[in-house]
Amino acid sequence: MAEEFATVKDSFEGEKGIAAGIKADPEKAKSINAVYQFNITGEQAGTWTVDLAADPPTVSEGESGKAQCTITIADQDWLGMLAGKLNGQQLFMSGKLKIAGDMSLAMKLQKVTG
């Protein structure tokens, strides 16, 4: 994606965010067939569910309780990673990005976000 977003909410729901990317290519999103939860901490804290198993795939604010992979990251690290300024693997190795559930699904997510 390598997009700069003003806010975390824009990164999920904005015109160039994850929801827009899914809408632009729903088949690519459906091929992943998984449910993700993003727990964003910091000043712009929030929780979003990215459901790539739904037909059509959806992005919604809040928890669905169905997540197979949960990603927890600080707001500025999330925005920096989407902008291409921070490396997700380095954030993970340094403990700034936490993954719960199916780790392989986190790698697949790059298909729709990166």
PDB file of N, CA and C in Angstrom:
ATOM      1  N   MET A   1       0.830  -1.179   0.000  1.00  0.00           N
ATOM      2  CA  MET A   1       0.000   0.000   0.000  1.00  0.00           C
ATOM      3  C   MET A   1       0.877   1.247   0.000  1.00  0.00           C
ATOM      4  N   ALA A   2       1.822   1.339   0.939  1.00  0.00           N
ATOM      5  CA  ALA A   2       2.737   2.478   1.051  1.00  0.00           C
ATOM      6  C   ALA A   2       2.001   3.804   0.915  1.00  0.00           C
ATOM      7  N   GLU A   3       0.931   3.939   1.660  1.00  0.00           N
ATOM      8  CA  GLU A   3       0.120   5.162   1.683  1.00  0.00           C
ATOM      9  C   GLU A   3       0.364   5.887   2.994  1.00  0.00           C
ATOM     10  N   GLU A   4       0.357   7.202   2.922  1.00  0.00           N
ATOM     11  CA  GLU A   4       0.408   8.003   4.143  1.00  0.00           C
ATOM     12  C   GLU A   4      -1.018   8.328   4.527  1.00  0.00           C
ATOM     13  N   PHE A   5      -1.385   8.035   5.744  1.00  0.00           N
ATOM     14  CA  PHE A   5      -2.728   8.316   6.242  1.00  0.00           C
ATOM     15  C   PHE A   5      -2.646   9.312   7.385  1.00  0.00           C
ATOM     16  N   ALA A   6      -3.613  10.211   7.425  1.00  0.00           N
ATOM     17  CA  ALA A   6      -3.657  11.212   8.492  1.00  0.00           C
ATOM     18  C   ALA A   6      -4.070  10.574   9.812  1.00  0.00           C
ATOM     19  N   THR A   7      -4.971   9.592   9.734  1.00  0.00           N
ATOM     20  CA  THR A   7      -5.474   8.955  10.950  1.00  0.00           C
ATOM     21  C   THR A   7      -5.548   7.442  10.767  1.00  0.00           C
ATOM     22  N   VAL A   8      -5.605   6.751  11.880  1.00  0.00           N
ATOM     23  CA  VAL A   8      -5.773   5.297  11.859  1.00  0.00           C
ATOM     24  C   VAL A   8      -7.106   4.947  11.205  1.00  0.00           C
ATOM     25  N   LYS A   9      -8.158   5.681  11.557  1.00  0.00           N
ATOM     26  CA  LYS A   9      -9.484   5.422  10.984  1.00  0.00           C
ATOM     27  C   LYS A   9      -9.431   5.505   9.457  1.00  0.00           C
ATOM     28  N   ASP A  10      -8.724   6.502   8.923  1.00  0.00           N
ATOM     29  CA  ASP A  10      -8.577   6.622   7.466  1.00  0.00           C
ATOM     30  C   ASP A  10      -7.884   5.397   6.869  1.00  0.00           C
ATOM     31  N   SER A  11      -6.932   4.822   7.599  1.00  0.00           N
ATOM     32  CA  SER A  11      -6.202   3.670   7.067  1.00  0.00           C
ATOM     33  C   SER A  11      -7.112   2.458   6.891  1.00  0.00           C
ATOM     34  N   PHE A  12      -8.170   2.392   7.694  1.00  0.00           N
ATOM     35  CA  PHE A  12      -9.117   1.292   7.569  1.00  0.00           C
ATOM     36  C   PHE A  12     -10.304   1.654   6.678  1.00  0.00           C
ATOM     37  N   GLU A  13     -10.860   2.866   6.877  1.00  0.00           N
ATOM     38  CA  GLU A  13     -12.131   3.207   6.262  1.00  0.00           C
ATOM     39  C   GLU A  13     -12.068   4.302   5.206  1.00  0.00           C
ATOM     40  N   GLY A  14     -10.935   4.978   5.069  1.00  0.00           N
ATOM     41  CA  GLY A  14     -10.814   6.093   4.133  1.00  0.00           C
ATOM     42  C   GLY A  14     -10.826   5.668   2.676  1.00  0.00           C
ATOM     43  N   GLU A  15     -10.830   6.661   1.783  1.00  0.00           N
ATOM     44  CA  GLU A  15     -10.944   6.368   0.349  1.00  0.00           C
ATOM     45  C   GLU A  15      -9.757   5.610  -0.224  1.00  0.00           C
ATOM     46  N   LYS A  16      -8.621   5.606   0.479  1.00  0.00           N
ATOM     47  CA  LYS A  16      -7.460   4.815   0.034  1.00  0.00           C
ATOM     48  C   LYS A  16      -7.089   3.755   1.058  1.00  0.00           C
ATOM     49  N   GLY A  17      -7.963   3.533   2.025  1.00  0.00           N
ATOM     50  CA  GLY A  17      -7.690   2.596   3.106  1.00  0.00           C
ATOM     51  C   GLY A  17      -7.925   1.142   2.730  1.00  0.00           C
ATOM     52  N   ILE A  18      -7.859   0.287   3.736  1.00  0.00           N
ATOM     53  CA  ILE A  18      -7.998  -1.148   3.536  1.00  0.00           C
ATOM     54  C   ILE A  18      -9.359  -1.491   2.936  1.00  0.00           C
ATOM     55  N   ALA A  19     -10.425  -0.863   3.431  1.00  0.00           N
ATOM     56  CA  ALA A  19     -11.772  -1.144   2.908  1.00  0.00           C
ATOM     57  C   ALA A  19     -11.846  -0.842   1.413  1.00  0.00           C
ATOM     58  N   ALA A  20     -11.251   0.268   0.996  1.00  0.00           N
ATOM     59  CA  ALA A  20     -11.264   0.639  -0.424  1.00  0.00           C
ATOM     60  C   ALA A  20     -10.464  -0.358  -1.258  1.00  0.00           C
ATOM     61  N   GLY A  21      -9.340  -0.810  -0.725  1.00  0.00           N
ATOM     62  CA  GLY A  21      -8.528  -1.803  -1.429  1.00  0.00           C
ATOM     63  C   GLY A  21      -9.258  -3.124  -1.608  1.00  0.00           C
ATOM     64  N   ILE A  22     -10.002  -3.513  -0.575  1.00  0.00           N
ATOM     65  CA  ILE A  22     -10.783  -4.750  -0.646  1.00  0.00           C
ATOM     66  C   ILE A  22     -11.904  -4.603  -1.675  1.00  0.00           C
ATOM     67  N   LYS A  23     -12.551  -3.451  -1.648  1.00  0.00           N
ATOM     68  CA  LYS A  23     -13.652  -3.209  -2.587  1.00  0.00           C
ATOM     69  C   LYS A  23     -13.142  -3.193  -4.029  1.00  0.00           C
ATOM     70  N   ALA A  24     -11.939  -2.672  -4.230  1.00  0.00           N
ATOM     71  CA  ALA A  24     -11.358  -2.594  -5.572  1.00  0.00           C
ATOM     72  C   ALA A  24     -11.001  -3.969  -6.126  1.00  0.00           C
ATOM     73  N   ASP A  25     -10.634  -4.903  -5.253  1.00  0.00           N
ATOM     74  CA  ASP A  25     -10.254  -6.247  -5.698  1.00  0.00           C
ATOM     75  C   ASP A  25     -10.758  -7.292  -4.694  1.00  0.00           C
ATOM     76  N   PRO A  26     -12.083  -7.490  -4.642  1.00  0.00           N
ATOM     77  CA  PRO A  26     -12.633  -8.421  -3.641  1.00  0.00           C
ATOM     78  C   PRO A  26     -12.178  -9.860  -3.825  1.00  0.00           C
ATOM     79  N   GLU A  27     -11.864 -10.257  -5.047  1.00  0.00           N
ATOM     80  CA  GLU A  27     -11.418 -11.642  -5.271  1.00  0.00           C
ATOM     81  C   GLU A  27     -10.079 -11.916  -4.588  1.00  0.00           C
ATOM     82  N   LYS A  28      -9.182 -10.941  -4.643  1.00  0.00           N
ATOM     83  CA  LYS A  28      -7.889 -11.092  -3.970  1.00  0.00           C
ATOM     84  C   LYS A  28      -8.111 -11.229  -2.458  1.00  0.00           C
ATOM     85  N   ALA A  29      -9.000 -10.399  -1.924  1.00  0.00           N
ATOM     86  CA  ALA A  29      -9.298 -10.457  -0.490  1.00  0.00           C
ATOM     87  C   ALA A  29      -9.930 -11.790  -0.119  1.00  0.00           C
ATOM     88  N   LYS A  30     -10.889 -12.237  -0.917  1.00  0.00           N
ATOM     89  CA  LYS A  30     -11.577 -13.504  -0.629  1.00  0.00           C
ATOM     90  C   LYS A  30     -10.624 -14.691  -0.686  1.00  0.00           C
ATOM     91  N   SER A  31      -9.580 -14.594  -1.506  1.00  0.00           N
ATOM     92  CA  SER A  31      -8.636 -15.708  -1.623  1.00  0.00           C
ATOM     93  C   SER A  31      -7.913 -15.969  -0.300  1.00  0.00           C
ATOM     94  N   ILE A  32      -7.843 -14.980   0.563  1.00  0.00           N
ATOM     95  CA  ILE A  32      -7.201 -15.146   1.879  1.00  0.00           C
ATOM     96  C   ILE A  32      -8.150 -15.869   2.831  1.00  0.00           C
ATOM     97  N   ASN A  33      -9.454 -15.548   2.738  1.00  0.00           N
ATOM     98  CA  ASN A  33     -10.497 -16.279   3.472  1.00  0.00           C
ATOM     99  C   ASN A  33     -10.212 -16.369   4.975  1.00  0.00           C
ATOM    100  N   ALA A  34      -9.998 -15.229   5.617  1.00  0.00           N
ATOM    101  CA  ALA A  34      -9.711 -15.211   7.053  1.00  0.00           C
ATOM    102  C   ALA A  34     -10.296 -13.946   7.689  1.00  0.00           C
ATOM    103  N   VAL A  35     -10.408 -13.976   9.011  1.00  0.00           N
ATOM    104  CA  VAL A  35     -10.915 -12.831   9.763  1.00  0.00           C
ATOM    105  C   VAL A  35      -9.794 -12.313  10.655  1.00  0.00           C
ATOM    106  N   TYR A  36      -9.534 -11.006  10.544  1.00  0.00           N
ATOM    107  CA  TYR A  36      -8.474 -10.352  11.312  1.00  0.00           C
ATOM    108  C   TYR A  36      -9.079  -9.336  12.261  1.00  0.00           C
ATOM    109  N   GLN A  37      -8.433  -9.189  13.403  1.00  0.00           N
ATOM    110  CA  GLN A  37      -8.779  -8.105  14.314  1.00  0.00           C
ATOM    111  C   GLN A  37      -7.531  -7.275  14.534  1.00  0.00           C
ATOM    112  N   PHE A  38      -7.691  -5.960  14.442  1.00  0.00           N
ATOM    113  CA  PHE A  38      -6.593  -5.032  14.679  1.00  0.00           C
ATOM    114  C   PHE A  38      -6.892  -4.246  15.941  1.00  0.00           C
ATOM    115  N   ASN A  39      -6.014  -4.380  16.925  1.00  0.00           N
ATOM    116  CA  ASN A  39      -6.109  -3.603  18.150  1.00  0.00           C
ATOM    117  C   ASN A  39      -5.048  -2.518  18.065  1.00  0.00           C
ATOM    118  N   ILE A  40      -5.492  -1.292  17.850  1.00  0.00           N
ATOM    119  CA  ILE A  40      -4.581  -0.163  17.722  1.00  0.00           C
ATOM    120  C   ILE A  40      -4.555   0.575  19.054  1.00  0.00           C
ATOM    121  N   THR A  41      -3.349   0.796  19.576  1.00  0.00           N
ATOM    122  CA  THR A  41      -3.198   1.489  20.854  1.00  0.00           C
ATOM    123  C   THR A  41      -2.672   2.902  20.617  1.00  0.00           C
ATOM    124  N   GLY A  42      -2.690   3.729  21.660  1.00  0.00           N
ATOM    125  CA  GLY A  42      -2.178   5.092  21.547  1.00  0.00           C
ATOM    126  C   GLY A  42      -3.304   6.105  21.479  1.00  0.00           C
ATOM    127  N   GLU A  43      -2.979   7.321  21.042  1.00  0.00           N
ATOM    128  CA  GLU A  43      -3.957   8.404  21.002  1.00  0.00           C
ATOM    129  C   GLU A  43      -5.127   8.103  20.073  1.00  0.00           C
ATOM    130  N   GLN A  44      -4.873   7.353  19.005  1.00  0.00           N
ATOM    131  CA  GLN A  44      -5.927   7.020  18.036  1.00  0.00           C
ATOM    132  C   GLN A  44      -6.403   5.576  18.217  1.00  0.00           C
ATOM    133  N   ALA A  45      -6.410   5.122  19.453  1.00  0.00           N
ATOM    134  CA  ALA A  45      -6.747   3.734  19.756  1.00  0.00           C
ATOM    135  C   ALA A  45      -8.113   3.346  19.203  1.00  0.00           C
ATOM    136  N   GLY A  46      -8.206   2.094  18.814  1.00  0.00           N
ATOM    137  CA  GLY A  46      -9.464   1.550  18.331  1.00  0.00           C
ATOM    138  C   GLY A  46      -9.274   0.104  17.932  1.00  0.00           C
ATOM    139  N   THR A  47     -10.380  -0.535  17.637  1.00  0.00           N
ATOM    140  CA  THR A  47     -10.368  -1.925  17.202  1.00  0.00           C
ATOM    141  C   THR A  47     -11.132  -2.020  15.894  1.00  0.00           C
ATOM    142  N   TRP A  48     -10.552  -2.717  14.925  1.00  0.00           N
ATOM    143  CA  TRP A  48     -11.211  -2.934  13.637  1.00  0.00           C
ATOM    144  C   TRP A  48     -11.167  -4.410  13.303  1.00  0.00           C
ATOM    145  N   THR A  49     -12.226  -4.880  12.656  1.00  0.00           N
ATOM    146  CA  THR A  49     -12.283  -6.247  12.146  1.00  0.00           C
ATOM    147  C   THR A  49     -12.237  -6.188  10.630  1.00  0.00           C
ATOM    148  N   VAL A  50     -11.334  -6.952  10.054  1.00  0.00           N
ATOM    149  CA  VAL A  50     -11.235  -7.088   8.602  1.00  0.00           C
ATOM    150  C   VAL A  50     -11.627  -8.530   8.301  1.00  0.00           C
ATOM    151  N   ASP A  51     -12.843  -8.690   7.740  1.00  0.00           N
ATOM    152  CA  ASP A  51     -13.398 -10.020   7.496  1.00  0.00           C
ATOM    153  C   ASP A  51     -13.266 -10.366   6.013  1.00  0.00           C
ATOM    154  N   LEU A  52     -12.226 -11.118   5.696  1.00  0.00           N
ATOM    155  CA  LEU A  52     -11.962 -11.511   4.314  1.00  0.00           C
ATOM    156  C   LEU A  52     -12.624 -12.840   3.983  1.00  0.00           C
ATOM    157  N   ALA A  53     -13.377 -13.398   4.937  1.00  0.00           N
ATOM    158  CA  ALA A  53     -14.125 -14.627   4.691  1.00  0.00           C
ATOM    159  C   ALA A  53     -15.573 -14.299   4.319  1.00  0.00           C
ATOM    160  N   ALA A  54     -15.999 -13.074   4.595  1.00  0.00           N
ATOM    161  CA  ALA A  54     -17.373 -12.657   4.287  1.00  0.00           C
ATOM    162  C   ALA A  54     -17.541 -12.454   2.785  1.00  0.00           C
ATOM    163  N   ASP A  55     -18.790 -12.491   2.342  1.00  0.00           N
ATOM    164  CA  ASP A  55     -19.084 -12.242   0.926  1.00  0.00           C
ATOM    165  C   ASP A  55     -20.119 -11.131   0.842  1.00  0.00           C
ATOM    166  N   PRO A  56     -19.710  -9.918   0.520  1.00  0.00           N
ATOM    167  CA  PRO A  56     -18.359  -9.478   0.173  1.00  0.00           C
ATOM    168  C   PRO A  56     -17.499  -9.255   1.426  1.00  0.00           C
ATOM    169  N   PRO A  57     -16.183  -9.228   1.279  1.00  0.00           N
ATOM    170  CA  PRO A  57     -15.286  -8.941   2.401  1.00  0.00           C
ATOM    171  C   PRO A  57     -15.607  -7.566   2.993  1.00  0.00           C
ATOM    172  N   THR A  58     -15.435  -7.438   4.310  1.00  0.00           N
ATOM    173  CA  THR A  58     -15.812  -6.194   4.983  1.00  0.00           C
ATOM    174  C   THR A  58     -14.728  -5.700   5.937  1.00  0.00           C
ATOM    175  N   VAL A  59     -14.799  -4.405   6.234  1.00  0.00           N
ATOM    176  CA  VAL A  59     -13.992  -3.773   7.271  1.00  0.00           C
ATOM    177  C   VAL A  59     -14.975  -3.055   8.176  1.00  0.00           C
ATOM    178  N   SER A  60     -14.904  -3.315   9.474  1.00  0.00           N
ATOM    179  CA  SER A  60     -15.821  -2.654  10.399  1.00  0.00           C
ATOM    180  C   SER A  60     -15.103  -2.306  11.694  1.00  0.00           C
ATOM    181  N   GLU A  61     -15.564  -1.247  12.308  1.00  0.00           N
ATOM    182  CA  GLU A  61     -14.993  -0.847  13.584  1.00  0.00           C
ATOM    183  C   GLU A  61     -15.564  -1.751  14.664  1.00  0.00           C
ATOM    184  N   GLY A  62     -14.718  -2.172  15.594  1.00  0.00           N
ATOM    185  CA  GLY A  62     -15.137  -3.028  16.687  1.00  0.00           C
ATOM    186  C   GLY A  62     -14.705  -4.468  16.496  1.00  0.00           C
ATOM    187  N   GLU A  63     -15.056  -5.295  17.483  1.00  0.00           N
ATOM    188  CA  GLU A  63     -14.693  -6.712  17.481  1.00  0.00           C
ATOM    189  C   GLU A  63     -15.836  -7.546  16.924  1.00  0.00           C
ATOM    190  N   SER A  64     -15.498  -8.609  16.220  1.00  0.00           N
ATOM    191  CA  SER A  64     -16.524  -9.532  15.735  1.00  0.00           C
ATOM    192  C   SER A  64     -16.560 -10.801  16.580  1.00  0.00           C
ATOM    193  N   GLY A  65     -15.472 -11.054  17.297  1.00  0.00           N
ATOM    194  CA  GLY A  65     -15.379 -12.276  18.080  1.00  0.00           C
ATOM    195  C   GLY A  65     -14.998 -13.486  17.241  1.00  0.00           C
ATOM    196  N   LYS A  66     -14.763 -13.281  15.929  1.00  0.00           N
ATOM    197  CA  LYS A  66     -14.454 -14.391  15.026  1.00  0.00           C
ATOM    198  C   LYS A  66     -13.019 -14.356  14.521  1.00  0.00           C
ATOM    199  N   ALA A  67     -12.195 -13.466  15.035  1.00  0.00           N
ATOM    200  CA  ALA A  67     -10.847 -13.283  14.490  1.00  0.00           C
ATOM    201  C   ALA A  67     -10.002 -14.552  14.608  1.00  0.00           C
ATOM    202  N   GLN A  68      -9.333 -14.880  13.501  1.00  0.00           N
ATOM    203  CA  GLN A  68      -8.396 -16.000  13.481  1.00  0.00           C
ATOM    204  C   GLN A  68      -6.973 -15.502  13.706  1.00  0.00           C
ATOM    205  N   CYS A  69      -6.777 -14.184  13.512  1.00  0.00           N
ATOM    206  CA  CYS A  69      -5.473 -13.556  13.692  1.00  0.00           C
ATOM    207  C   CYS A  69      -5.715 -12.156  14.261  1.00  0.00           C
ATOM    208  N   THR A  70      -5.108 -11.873  15.393  1.00  0.00           N
ATOM    209  CA  THR A  70      -5.257 -10.564  16.034  1.00  0.00           C
ATOM    210  C   THR A  70      -3.906  -9.868  16.051  1.00  0.00           C
ATOM    211  N   ILE A  71      -3.906  -8.643  15.560  1.00  0.00           N
ATOM    212  CA  ILE A  71      -2.683  -7.850  15.475  1.00  0.00           C
ATOM    213  C   ILE A  71      -2.826  -6.649  16.400  1.00  0.00           C
ATOM    214  N   THR A  72      -1.858  -6.472  17.292  1.00  0.00           N
ATOM    215  CA  THR A  72      -1.858  -5.349  18.218  1.00  0.00           C
ATOM    216  C   THR A  72      -0.622  -4.505  17.937  1.00  0.00           C
ATOM    217  N   ILE A  73      -0.853  -3.197  17.747  1.00  0.00           N
ATOM    218  CA  ILE A  73       0.236  -2.284  17.380  1.00  0.00           C
ATOM    219  C   ILE A  73      -0.152  -0.861  17.778  1.00  0.00           C
ATOM    220  N   ALA A  74       0.832  -0.041  18.103  1.00  0.00           N
ATOM    221  CA  ALA A  74       0.587   1.362  18.438  1.00  0.00           C
ATOM    222  C   ALA A  74       0.216   2.147  17.181  1.00  0.00           C
ATOM    223  N   ASP A  75      -0.597   3.162  17.355  1.00  0.00           N
ATOM    224  CA  ASP A  75      -1.094   3.940  16.222  1.00  0.00           C
ATOM    225  C   ASP A  75       0.015   4.492  15.330  1.00  0.00           C
ATOM    226  N   GLN A  76       1.047   5.078  15.900  1.00  0.00           N
ATOM    227  CA  GLN A  76       2.105   5.670  15.087  1.00  0.00           C
ATOM    228  C   GLN A  76       2.952   4.615  14.371  1.00  0.00           C
ATOM    229  N   ASP A  77       3.107   3.455  15.003  1.00  0.00           N
ATOM    230  CA  ASP A  77       3.825   2.364  14.343  1.00  0.00           C
ATOM    231  C   ASP A  77       2.997   1.821  13.169  1.00  0.00           C
ATOM    232  N   TRP A  78       1.684   1.702  13.357  1.00  0.00           N
ATOM    233  CA  TRP A  78       0.788   1.245  12.294  1.00  0.00           C
ATOM    234  C   TRP A  78       0.846   2.191  11.092  1.00  0.00           C
ATOM    235  N   LEU A  79       0.713   3.481  11.361  1.00  0.00           N
ATOM    236  CA  LEU A  79       0.738   4.469  10.280  1.00  0.00           C
ATOM    237  C   LEU A  79       2.100   4.492   9.585  1.00  0.00           C
ATOM    238  N   GLY A  80       3.167   4.362  10.365  1.00  0.00           N
ATOM    239  CA  GLY A  80       4.516   4.330   9.798  1.00  0.00           C
ATOM    240  C   GLY A  80       4.742   3.107   8.934  1.00  0.00           C
ATOM    241  N   MET A  81       4.191   1.979   9.349  1.00  0.00           N
ATOM    242  CA  MET A  81       4.332   0.751   8.580  1.00  0.00           C
ATOM    243  C   MET A  81       3.576   0.867   7.252  1.00  0.00           C
ATOM    244  N   LEU A  82       2.366   1.402   7.283  1.00  0.00           N
ATOM    245  CA  LEU A  82       1.593   1.562   6.045  1.00  0.00           C
ATOM    246  C   LEU A  82       2.252   2.539   5.082  1.00  0.00           C
ATOM    247  N   ALA A  83       2.937   3.529   5.635  1.00  0.00           N
ATOM    248  CA  ALA A  83       3.616   4.524   4.799  1.00  0.00           C
ATOM    249  C   ALA A  83       4.939   3.998   4.241  1.00  0.00           C
ATOM    250  N   GLY A  84       5.338   2.815   4.688  1.00  0.00           N
ATOM    251  CA  GLY A  84       6.587   2.240   4.216  1.00  0.00           C
ATOM    252  C   GLY A  84       7.804   2.746   4.966  1.00  0.00           C
ATOM    253  N   LYS A  85       7.581   3.463   6.067  1.00  0.00           N
ATOM    254  CA  LYS A  85       8.691   4.020   6.848  1.00  0.00           C
ATOM    255  C   LYS A  85       9.181   3.051   7.923  1.00  0.00           C
ATOM    256  N   LEU A  86       8.321   2.111   8.316  1.00  0.00           N
ATOM    257  CA  LEU A  86       8.679   1.119   9.326  1.00  0.00           C
ATOM    258  C   LEU A  86       8.449  -0.274   8.758  1.00  0.00           C
ATOM    259  N   ASN A  87       9.275  -1.213   9.160  1.00  0.00           N
ATOM    260  CA  ASN A  87       9.205  -2.579   8.668  1.00  0.00           C
ATOM    261  C   ASN A  87       8.434  -3.445   9.665  1.00  0.00           C
ATOM    262  N   GLY A  88       7.401  -4.120   9.174  1.00  0.00           N
ATOM    263  CA  GLY A  88       6.566  -4.952  10.030  1.00  0.00           C
ATOM    264  C   GLY A  88       7.332  -6.042  10.744  1.00  0.00           C
ATOM    265  N   GLN A  89       8.270  -6.679  10.051  1.00  0.00           N
ATOM    266  CA  GLN A  89       9.050  -7.741  10.678  1.00  0.00           C
ATOM    267  C   GLN A  89       9.924  -7.185  11.804  1.00  0.00           C
ATOM    268  N   GLN A  90      10.502  -6.007  11.584  1.00  0.00           N
ATOM    269  CA  GLN A  90      11.323  -5.395  12.629  1.00  0.00           C
ATOM    270  C   GLN A  90      10.462  -4.997  13.820  1.00  0.00           C
ATOM    271  N   LEU A  91       9.264  -4.472  13.548  1.00  0.00           N
ATOM    272  CA  LEU A  91       8.352  -4.122  14.634  1.00  0.00           C
ATOM    273  C   LEU A  91       7.982  -5.365  15.434  1.00  0.00           C
ATOM    274  N   PHE A  92       7.758  -6.467  14.741  1.00  0.00           N
ATOM    275  CA  PHE A  92       7.414  -7.720  15.406  1.00  0.00           C
ATOM    276  C   PHE A  92       8.574  -8.209  16.268  1.00  0.00           C
ATOM    277  N   MET A  93       9.767  -8.206  15.697  1.00  0.00           N
ATOM    278  CA  MET A  93      10.944  -8.702  16.420  1.00  0.00           C
ATOM    279  C   MET A  93      11.261  -7.845  17.645  1.00  0.00           C
ATOM    280  N   SER A  94      10.939  -6.554  17.583  1.00  0.00           N
ATOM    281  CA  SER A  94      11.215  -5.668  18.714  1.00  0.00           C
ATOM    282  C   SER A  94      10.057  -5.630  19.714  1.00  0.00           C
ATOM    283  N   GLY A  95       8.995  -6.402  19.444  1.00  0.00           N
ATOM    284  CA  GLY A  95       7.873  -6.472  20.370  1.00  0.00           C
ATOM    285  C   GLY A  95       6.855  -5.352  20.213  1.00  0.00           C
ATOM    286  N   LYS A  96       7.015  -4.533  19.200  1.00  0.00           N
ATOM    287  CA  LYS A  96       6.082  -3.421  18.991  1.00  0.00           C
ATOM    288  C   LYS A  96       4.850  -3.839  18.191  1.00  0.00           C
ATOM    289  N   LEU A  97       4.916  -4.971  17.539  1.00  0.00           N
ATOM    290  CA  LEU A  97       3.788  -5.528  16.798  1.00  0.00           C
ATOM    291  C   LEU A  97       3.579  -6.927  17.349  1.00  0.00           C
ATOM    292  N   LYS A  98       2.390  -7.164  17.870  1.00  0.00           N
ATOM    293  CA  LYS A  98       2.107  -8.469  18.470  1.00  0.00           C
ATOM    294  C   LYS A  98       1.051  -9.182  17.633  1.00  0.00           C
ATOM    295  N   ILE A  99       1.244 -10.476  17.449  1.00  0.00           N
ATOM    296  CA  ILE A  99       0.320 -11.281  16.667  1.00  0.00           C
ATOM    297  C   ILE A  99      -0.167 -12.428  17.535  1.00  0.00           C
ATOM    298  N   ALA A 100      -1.493 -12.574  17.617  1.00  0.00           N
ATOM    299  CA  ALA A 100      -2.097 -13.689  18.344  1.00  0.00           C
ATOM    300  C   ALA A 100      -2.914 -14.499  17.346  1.00  0.00           C
ATOM    301  N   GLY A 101      -2.945 -15.795  17.548  1.00  0.00           N
ATOM    302  CA  GLY A 101      -3.695 -16.648  16.627  1.00  0.00           C
ATOM    303  C   GLY A 101      -2.783 -17.197  15.549  1.00  0.00           C
ATOM    304  N   ASP A 102      -3.310 -17.325  14.343  1.00  0.00           N
ATOM    305  CA  ASP A 102      -2.603 -17.956  13.233  1.00  0.00           C
ATOM    306  C   ASP A 102      -1.583 -16.992  12.624  1.00  0.00           C
ATOM    307  N   MET A 103      -0.326 -17.228  12.927  1.00  0.00           N
ATOM    308  CA  MET A 103       0.772 -16.370  12.453  1.00  0.00           C
ATOM    309  C   MET A 103       0.863 -16.349  10.930  1.00  0.00           C
ATOM    310  N   SER A 104       0.569 -17.459  10.277  1.00  0.00           N
ATOM    311  CA  SER A 104       0.667 -17.500   8.807  1.00  0.00           C
ATOM    312  C   SER A 104      -0.334 -16.548   8.157  1.00  0.00           C
ATOM    313  N   LEU A 105      -1.436 -16.287   8.817  1.00  0.00           N
ATOM    314  CA  LEU A 105      -2.427 -15.353   8.271  1.00  0.00           C
ATOM    315  C   LEU A 105      -1.890 -13.927   8.257  1.00  0.00           C
ATOM    316  N   ALA A 106      -1.034 -13.594   9.211  1.00  0.00           N
ATOM    317  CA  ALA A 106      -0.438 -12.254   9.241  1.00  0.00           C
ATOM    318  C   ALA A 106       0.402 -12.038   7.989  1.00  0.00           C
ATOM    319  N   MET A 107       1.096 -13.059   7.542  1.00  0.00           N
ATOM    320  CA  MET A 107       1.908 -12.949   6.329  1.00  0.00           C
ATOM    321  C   MET A 107       1.025 -12.787   5.099  1.00  0.00           C
ATOM    322  N   LYS A 108      -0.095 -13.483   5.062  1.00  0.00           N
ATOM    323  CA  LYS A 108      -1.007 -13.390   3.919  1.00  0.00           C
ATOM    324  C   LYS A 108      -1.629 -12.009   3.799  1.00  0.00           C
ATOM    325  N   LEU A 109      -1.760 -11.332   4.923  1.00  0.00           N
ATOM    326  CA  LEU A 109      -2.405 -10.012   4.927  1.00  0.00           C
ATOM    327  C   LEU A 109      -1.684  -9.032   4.030  1.00  0.00           C
ATOM    328  N   GLN A 110      -0.403  -9.238   3.818  1.00  0.00           N
ATOM    329  CA  GLN A 110       0.374  -8.334   2.952  1.00  0.00           C
ATOM    330  C   GLN A 110      -0.187  -8.294   1.527  1.00  0.00           C
ATOM    331  N   LYS A 111      -0.915  -9.338   1.130  1.00  0.00           N
ATOM    332  CA  LYS A 111      -1.508  -9.352  -0.207  1.00  0.00           C
ATOM    333  C   LYS A 111      -2.492  -8.208  -0.406  1.00  0.00           C
ATOM    334  N   VAL A 112      -3.203  -7.834   0.668  1.00  0.00           N
ATOM    335  CA  VAL A 112      -4.200  -6.766   0.527  1.00  0.00           C
ATOM    336  C   VAL A 112      -3.748  -5.440   1.098  1.00  0.00           C
ATOM    337  N   THR A 113      -2.691  -5.444   1.913  1.00  0.00           N
ATOM    338  CA  THR A 113      -2.235  -4.175   2.486  1.00  0.00           C
ATOM    339  C   THR A 113      -0.914  -3.690   1.906  1.00  0.00           C
ATOM    340  N   GLY A 114      -0.184  -4.559   1.241  1.00  0.00           N
ATOM    341  CA  GLY A 114       1.133  -4.132   0.832  1.00  0.00           C
ATOM    342  C   GLY A 114       1.479  -4.398  -0.577  1.00  0.00           C
TER     343      GLY A 114
END
